[in-house]
Amino acid sequence: MLYEMRTYQVQPGKAPEFLNMYQSDGLPIITRYARLVGCWVKESGVLNSTVFIWAYDDFAHRTTQRGLLAKDSEWQQFVPRMLPYLVHQESVFMNPTAFSPLK
């Protein structure tokens, strides 16, 4: 299993609007291609940030699924609506240890 921690830093004051838009319009699309493990709003560190954890079978599976997502016409229409909210985004890939509860 591969986990992707994807962090979106949004414009100050725009987090509630971004999260509402992402939940109603983006989530139904992306969850066709990735399994959402969780979503959090950061209260320390880089503020105005939302962290998503997505699960994939492995990196090859993620590559395939992200390729399919990129071709999805609904996603192509959603991304330009999301971009004005973003200040920064980052992806970190994590493999679970043998004793991790999430494998």
C-alpha atoms as a PDB file:
ATOM      1  CA  MET A   1       0.000   0.000   0.000  1.00  0.00           C
ATOM      2  CA  LEU A   2       1.164   3.520  -0.813  1.00  0.00           C
ATOM      3  CA  TYR A   3      -0.178   6.594   0.946  1.00  0.00           C
ATOM      4  CA  GLU A   4       0.024  10.055  -0.527  1.00  0.00           C
ATOM      5  CA  MET A   5      -0.123  12.987   1.862  1.00  0.00           C
ATOM      6  CA  ARG A   6      -1.259  15.900  -0.276  1.00  0.00           C
ATOM      7  CA  THR A   7      -1.239  19.325   1.362  1.00  0.00           C
ATOM      8  CA  TYR A   8      -2.993  22.359  -0.069  1.00  0.00           C
ATOM      9  CA  GLN A   9      -2.209  25.776   1.377  1.00  0.00           C
ATOM     10  CA  VAL A  10      -5.019  28.156   0.463  1.00  0.00           C
ATOM     11  CA  GLN A  11      -5.484  31.913   0.477  1.00  0.00           C
ATOM     12  CA  PRO A  12      -6.019  33.255   4.034  1.00  0.00           C
ATOM     13  CA  GLY A  13      -9.698  33.262   4.914  1.00  0.00           C
ATOM     14  CA  LYS A  14     -10.631  31.007   1.999  1.00  0.00           C
ATOM     15  CA  ALA A  15     -10.337  27.579   3.680  1.00  0.00           C
ATOM     16  CA  PRO A  16     -14.067  27.131   4.435  1.00  0.00           C
ATOM     17  CA  GLU A  17     -15.025  28.114   0.886  1.00  0.00           C
ATOM     18  CA  PHE A  18     -12.315  25.876  -0.598  1.00  0.00           C
ATOM     19  CA  LEU A  19     -13.350  22.886   1.535  1.00  0.00           C
ATOM     20  CA  ASN A  20     -17.028  23.289   0.673  1.00  0.00           C
ATOM     21  CA  MET A  21     -16.245  23.497  -3.038  1.00  0.00           C
ATOM     22  CA  TYR A  22     -13.823  20.550  -2.868  1.00  0.00           C
ATOM     23  CA  GLN A  23     -16.279  18.395  -0.916  1.00  0.00           C
ATOM     24  CA  SER A  24     -19.257  19.082  -3.161  1.00  0.00           C
ATOM     25  CA  ASP A  25     -17.556  19.224  -6.555  1.00  0.00           C
ATOM     26  CA  GLY A  26     -14.059  17.682  -6.397  1.00  0.00           C
ATOM     27  CA  LEU A  27     -14.452  14.759  -4.035  1.00  0.00           C
ATOM     28  CA  PRO A  28     -17.090  12.929  -6.103  1.00  0.00           C
ATOM     29  CA  ILE A  29     -14.683  12.990  -9.051  1.00  0.00           C
ATOM     30  CA  ILE A  30     -11.338  12.129  -7.444  1.00  0.00           C
ATOM     31  CA  THR A  31     -12.780   9.303  -5.347  1.00  0.00           C
ATOM     32  CA  ARG A  32     -13.442   7.451  -8.596  1.00  0.00           C
ATOM     33  CA  TYR A  33      -9.658   7.082  -8.843  1.00  0.00           C
ATOM     34  CA  ALA A  34      -8.263   7.163  -5.279  1.00  0.00           C
ATOM     35  CA  ARG A  35      -9.385   6.095  -1.815  1.00  0.00           C
ATOM     36  CA  LEU A  36      -9.604   8.916   0.694  1.00  0.00           C
ATOM     37  CA  VAL A  37      -8.137   7.842   4.035  1.00  0.00           C
ATOM     38  CA  GLY A  38      -8.724  11.188   5.734  1.00  0.00           C
ATOM     39  CA  CYS A  39      -8.729  14.956   5.495  1.00  0.00           C
ATOM     40  CA  TRP A  40      -7.503  17.412   8.131  1.00  0.00           C
ATOM     41  CA  VAL A  41      -7.121  21.163   8.594  1.00  0.00           C
ATOM     42  CA  LYS A  42      -3.759  22.143  10.077  1.00  0.00           C
ATOM     43  CA  GLU A  43      -3.798  24.055  13.364  1.00  0.00           C
ATOM     44  CA  SER A  44      -0.014  24.479  13.545  1.00  0.00           C
ATOM     45  CA  GLY A  45       2.892  24.749  11.158  1.00  0.00           C
ATOM     46  CA  VAL A  46       1.926  26.260   7.806  1.00  0.00           C
ATOM     47  CA  LEU A  47      -1.554  27.609   8.471  1.00  0.00           C
ATOM     48  CA  ASN A  48      -4.450  27.809   6.019  1.00  0.00           C
ATOM     49  CA  SER A  49      -3.519  24.265   4.979  1.00  0.00           C
ATOM     50  CA  THR A  50      -5.624  21.188   4.364  1.00  0.00           C
ATOM     51  CA  VAL A  51      -4.046  17.727   4.352  1.00  0.00           C
ATOM     52  CA  PHE A  52      -5.531  14.823   2.423  1.00  0.00           C
ATOM     53  CA  ILE A  53      -4.286  11.241   2.721  1.00  0.00           C
ATOM     54  CA  TRP A  54      -4.988   9.143  -0.376  1.00  0.00           C
ATOM     55  CA  ALA A  55      -4.371   5.386  -0.649  1.00  0.00           C
ATOM     56  CA  TYR A  56      -3.136   3.439  -3.662  1.00  0.00           C
ATOM     57  CA  ASP A  57      -2.026  -0.163  -4.111  1.00  0.00           C
ATOM     58  CA  ASP A  58       1.482   1.005  -5.051  1.00  0.00           C
ATOM     59  CA  PHE A  59       3.193   3.781  -7.023  1.00  0.00           C
ATOM     60  CA  ALA A  60       2.306   2.191 -10.370  1.00  0.00           C
ATOM     61  CA  HIS A  61      -1.353   2.120  -9.352  1.00  0.00           C
ATOM     62  CA  ARG A  62      -1.149   5.786  -8.334  1.00  0.00           C
ATOM     63  CA  THR A  63       0.452   6.690 -11.663  1.00  0.00           C
ATOM     64  CA  THR A  64      -2.304   4.887 -13.579  1.00  0.00           C
ATOM     65  CA  GLN A  65      -5.104   6.358 -11.486  1.00  0.00           C
ATOM     66  CA  ARG A  66      -3.739   9.913 -11.673  1.00  0.00           C
ATOM     67  CA  GLY A  67      -3.448   9.515 -15.439  1.00  0.00           C
ATOM     68  CA  LEU A  68      -7.103   8.499 -15.641  1.00  0.00           C
ATOM     69  CA  LEU A  69      -8.071  11.385 -13.363  1.00  0.00           C
ATOM     70  CA  ALA A  70      -6.207  13.843 -15.590  1.00  0.00           C
ATOM     71  CA  LYS A  71      -8.249  12.644 -18.586  1.00  0.00           C
ATOM     72  CA  ASP A  72     -11.587  12.932 -16.758  1.00  0.00           C
ATOM     73  CA  SER A  73     -13.499  15.836 -18.339  1.00  0.00           C
ATOM     74  CA  GLU A  74     -15.242  16.683 -15.069  1.00  0.00           C
ATOM     75  CA  TRP A  75     -11.861  16.912 -13.298  1.00  0.00           C
ATOM     76  CA  GLN A  76     -10.519  19.083 -16.118  1.00  0.00           C
ATOM     77  CA  GLN A  77     -13.405  21.488 -15.485  1.00  0.00           C
ATOM     78  CA  PHE A  78     -12.926  21.369 -11.706  1.00  0.00           C
ATOM     79  CA  VAL A  79      -9.177  22.104 -11.561  1.00  0.00           C
ATOM     80  CA  PRO A  80      -9.404  25.664 -12.955  1.00  0.00           C
ATOM     81  CA  ARG A  81     -12.007  26.423 -10.266  1.00  0.00           C
ATOM     82  CA  MET A  82      -9.674  25.106  -7.554  1.00  0.00           C
ATOM     83  CA  LEU A  83      -6.449  26.823  -8.659  1.00  0.00           C
ATOM     84  CA  PRO A  84      -7.325  30.394  -7.570  1.00  0.00           C
ATOM     85  CA  TYR A  85      -7.589  29.193  -3.951  1.00  0.00           C
ATOM     86  CA  LEU A  86      -4.109  27.670  -3.862  1.00  0.00           C
ATOM     87  CA  VAL A  87      -0.945  29.295  -2.558  1.00  0.00           C
ATOM     88  CA  HIS A  88       1.115  26.086  -2.464  1.00  0.00           C
ATOM     89  CA  GLN A  89       0.640  22.354  -2.783  1.00  0.00           C
ATOM     90  CA  GLU A  90       2.857  19.437  -1.832  1.00  0.00           C
ATOM     91  CA  SER A  91       2.712  15.654  -2.168  1.00  0.00           C
ATOM     92  CA  VAL A  92       4.604  13.251   0.072  1.00  0.00           C
ATOM     93  CA  PHE A  93       4.548   9.485  -0.540  1.00  0.00           C
ATOM     94  CA  MET A  94       4.641   7.138   2.422  1.00  0.00           C
ATOM     95  CA  ASN A  95       4.949   3.353   2.644  1.00  0.00           C
ATOM     96  CA  PRO A  96       3.643   1.773   5.852  1.00  0.00           C
ATOM     97  CA  THR A  97       5.939  -0.176   8.139  1.00  0.00           C
ATOM     98  CA  ALA A  98       5.267  -3.838   8.930  1.00  0.00           C
ATOM     99  CA  PHE A  99       3.659  -2.840  12.251  1.00  0.00           C
ATOM    100  CA  SER A 100       1.538   0.052  10.930  1.00  0.00           C
ATOM    101  CA  PRO A 101      -2.196  -0.346  11.574  1.00  0.00           C
ATOM    102  CA  LEU A 102      -2.784   1.032   8.059  1.00  0.00           C
ATOM    103  CA  LYS A 103      -1.250  -1.340   5.532  1.00  0.00           C
END
